[in-house]
Amino acid sequence: MIADLLSACPTIEDLDLNTCYRITDGTLSALEKHSPLHCLDLTNQALITAPAIVSFLCACGSQLRLLGLHWDGPAPFAAIASHAPNIQHIIISGLSLWPTRTPDLTREDFEFVKELLASCPRLKTVAPDWALDGDDILVFLDELEVSHGHVDPFSDHLNEWRQFGGTGLW
């Protein structure tokens, strides 16, 4: 299905697959055949493996400015450093789809950010979505002067009823 969409719309540069079902390594394989994307959100897509993300980045990470992905270890981040020099924002979703379970990661697990900063001079944001204020990881990102705030280039808020107040749509 995604291959059909991409072939019908070859100028797609931004793709949000965050809430789609059945996104797998095969989806990334189809994306490898498409022209490089600028924004790709794969957060909460736990079925996508690190090797598939690495393969995608090697094939077409050159124009990527935003990447959202589900934490599957540090391997994809080495590929970002090598193949996505224009990256500006990285969003990382947690280890579990259960909202009460968060990754048990430390600042040592985030040492890869130093390499990213050296390889990707435009990097502004590394946002682990499970981290809370005061979390050791956020303190580490602050020390590196990397933002960890919410980034969502796909949200135009048109689905919020308050945005339509006074426009005659309600």
Protein backbone atom coordinates (compact mmCIF):
# COMPACT_ATOMS: atom_id res chain seq x y z
CA MET A 1 0.00 0.00 0.00
CA ILE A 2 2.77 2.47 0.87
CA ALA A 3 4.56 1.62 -2.37
CA ASP A 4 1.38 2.51 -4.30
CA LEU A 5 1.08 5.80 -2.44
CA LEU A 6 4.69 6.72 -3.12
CA SER A 7 4.48 5.86 -6.81
CA ALA A 8 1.28 7.90 -7.16
CA CYS A 9 2.79 10.84 -5.26
CA PRO A 10 6.49 10.97 -6.19
CA THR A 11 6.97 14.47 -4.73
CA ILE A 12 6.18 13.45 -1.14
CA GLU A 13 8.95 14.82 1.09
CA ASP A 14 7.35 14.50 4.53
CA LEU A 15 5.74 11.33 5.83
CA ASP A 16 4.14 10.73 9.23
CA LEU A 17 3.63 7.02 9.89
CA ASN A 18 3.46 7.45 13.66
CA THR A 19 -0.14 6.25 14.04
CA CYS A 20 -0.30 3.84 11.10
CA TYR A 21 -0.80 0.13 11.61
CA ARG A 22 1.39 -2.67 10.33
CA ILE A 23 4.43 -0.54 9.57
CA THR A 24 7.31 -2.99 9.20
CA ASP A 25 10.78 -3.35 7.76
CA GLY A 26 9.05 -3.88 4.39
CA THR A 27 7.66 -0.36 4.63
CA LEU A 28 11.17 1.05 4.98
CA SER A 29 12.30 -1.12 2.10
CA ALA A 30 9.62 0.52 -0.07
CA LEU A 31 10.70 3.96 1.13
CA GLU A 32 14.26 3.21 0.00
CA LYS A 33 13.01 3.26 -3.59
CA HIS A 34 11.47 6.74 -3.15
CA SER A 35 13.35 10.01 -3.49
CA PRO A 36 14.91 11.14 -0.18
CA LEU A 37 12.46 12.40 2.41
CA HIS A 38 12.91 15.53 4.54
CA CYS A 39 10.77 14.37 7.48
CA LEU A 40 9.89 10.83 8.51
CA ASP A 41 8.08 10.00 11.72
CA LEU A 42 8.25 6.34 12.73
CA THR A 43 7.78 6.88 16.46
CA ASN A 44 5.83 4.14 18.21
CA GLN A 45 6.54 1.72 15.35
CA ALA A 46 8.03 -1.08 17.44
CA LEU A 47 7.98 -3.62 14.57
CA ILE A 48 10.66 -1.76 12.63
CA THR A 49 14.11 -3.14 13.43
CA ALA A 50 17.39 -1.29 13.79
CA PRO A 51 18.89 -3.01 10.69
CA ALA A 52 15.97 -1.77 8.56
CA ILE A 53 16.44 1.79 9.83
CA VAL A 54 20.17 1.59 9.13
CA SER A 55 19.51 0.30 5.60
CA PHE A 56 16.99 3.09 4.97
CA LEU A 57 19.41 5.76 6.22
CA CYS A 58 22.23 4.40 4.07
CA ALA A 59 19.98 4.45 0.99
CA CYS A 60 18.25 7.80 1.43
CA GLY A 61 19.11 9.63 4.62
CA SER A 62 20.99 12.44 2.89
CA GLN A 63 18.12 14.96 2.88
CA LEU A 64 16.49 13.91 6.15
CA ARG A 65 15.92 16.81 8.54
CA LEU A 66 13.62 15.11 11.05
CA LEU A 67 13.48 11.47 12.04
CA GLY A 68 11.17 10.00 14.64
CA LEU A 69 11.92 6.42 15.61
CA HIS A 70 11.21 3.83 18.25
CA TRP A 71 14.19 3.07 20.52
CA ASP A 72 15.85 -0.16 19.40
CA GLY A 73 19.34 0.51 20.65
CA PRO A 74 22.04 2.92 19.48
CA ALA A 75 22.78 1.35 16.04
CA PRO A 76 20.50 3.68 14.03
CA PHE A 77 22.22 6.70 15.51
CA ALA A 78 25.61 5.71 14.10
CA ALA A 79 23.90 5.47 10.70
CA ILE A 80 22.35 8.92 11.22
CA ALA A 81 25.82 10.31 11.95
CA SER A 82 27.19 8.72 8.78
CA HIS A 83 24.30 9.16 6.33
CA ALA A 84 22.04 12.00 7.50
CA PRO A 85 24.26 15.10 7.68
CA ASN A 86 21.27 17.47 7.42
CA ILE A 87 19.40 16.04 10.40
CA GLN A 88 18.04 18.71 12.72
CA HIS A 89 15.54 16.89 14.94
CA ILE A 90 15.43 13.34 16.28
CA ILE A 91 12.40 12.15 18.24
CA ILE A 92 12.71 8.85 20.10
CA SER A 93 9.70 6.96 21.39
CA GLY A 94 9.89 4.59 24.34
CA LEU A 95 10.59 0.90 24.57
CA SER A 96 7.00 -0.05 25.18
CA LEU A 97 3.63 0.89 23.81
CA TRP A 98 2.38 0.71 27.39
CA PRO A 99 2.29 4.27 28.75
CA THR A 100 3.26 3.15 32.25
CA ARG A 101 6.51 1.51 31.18
CA THR A 102 9.49 3.66 30.27
CA PRO A 103 12.95 2.70 29.03
CA ASP A 104 15.54 2.09 31.71
CA LEU A 105 18.28 4.10 30.02
CA THR A 106 21.04 6.26 31.44
CA ARG A 107 23.16 9.11 30.15
CA GLU A 108 25.78 6.53 29.12
CA ASP A 109 23.20 5.04 26.75
CA PHE A 110 22.98 8.49 25.13
CA GLU A 111 26.72 8.99 24.53
CA PHE A 112 25.94 8.61 20.81
CA VAL A 113 24.62 12.19 20.87
CA LYS A 114 28.21 13.48 21.10
CA GLU A 115 29.07 11.72 17.82
CA LEU A 116 25.88 13.02 16.25
CA LEU A 117 26.77 16.60 17.17
CA ALA A 118 30.22 16.21 15.63
CA SER A 119 28.87 14.64 12.42
CA CYS A 120 25.61 16.56 12.07
CA PRO A 121 26.26 20.25 12.69
CA ARG A 122 22.60 21.21 12.16
CA LEU A 123 21.32 18.92 14.92
CA LYS A 124 19.18 20.95 17.31
CA THR A 125 16.88 18.47 19.04
CA VAL A 126 17.11 14.96 20.48
CA ALA A 127 13.79 14.32 22.17
CA PRO A 128 13.24 11.08 24.10
CA ASP A 129 9.48 11.18 24.61
CA TRP A 130 9.54 9.30 27.91
CA ALA A 131 12.07 11.46 29.75
CA LEU A 132 10.82 13.78 32.49
CA ASP A 133 12.31 17.03 33.79
CA GLY A 134 15.35 16.28 35.91
CA ASP A 135 15.92 12.93 34.19
CA ASP A 136 19.63 12.11 33.88
CA ILE A 137 19.32 11.91 30.09
CA LEU A 138 17.79 15.40 29.86
CA VAL A 139 20.50 16.81 32.12
CA PHE A 140 23.08 15.27 29.77
CA LEU A 141 21.37 16.79 26.72
CA ASP A 142 21.28 20.17 28.48
CA GLU A 143 25.01 19.90 29.13
CA LEU A 144 25.53 19.34 25.40
CA GLU A 145 23.21 22.28 24.65
CA VAL A 146 20.83 20.06 22.69
CA SER A 147 17.13 20.81 22.90
CA HIS A 148 14.89 17.98 24.03
CA GLY A 149 11.55 19.73 23.62
CA HIS A 150 8.58 18.52 21.63
CA VAL A 151 8.91 18.80 17.84
CA ASP A 152 6.03 17.97 15.49
CA PRO A 153 6.28 19.35 11.97
CA PHE A 154 3.14 17.45 10.98
CA SER A 155 0.79 19.08 13.46
CA ASP A 156 -1.25 21.89 11.98
CA HIS A 157 -3.81 21.59 14.78
CA LEU A 158 -6.68 21.55 12.28
CA ASN A 159 -8.17 18.64 14.14
CA GLU A 160 -8.73 20.75 17.26
CA TRP A 161 -12.17 22.29 17.48
CA ARG A 162 -10.83 25.46 19.14
CA GLN A 163 -8.93 26.30 15.97
CA PHE A 164 -12.22 26.61 14.10
CA GLY A 165 -13.91 28.95 16.58
CA GLY A 166 -15.48 31.89 14.79
CA THR A 167 -14.97 30.46 11.33
CA GLY A 168 -18.52 29.25 10.87
CA LEU A 169 -17.52 25.61 10.72
CA TRP A 170 -19.14 24.78 14.06
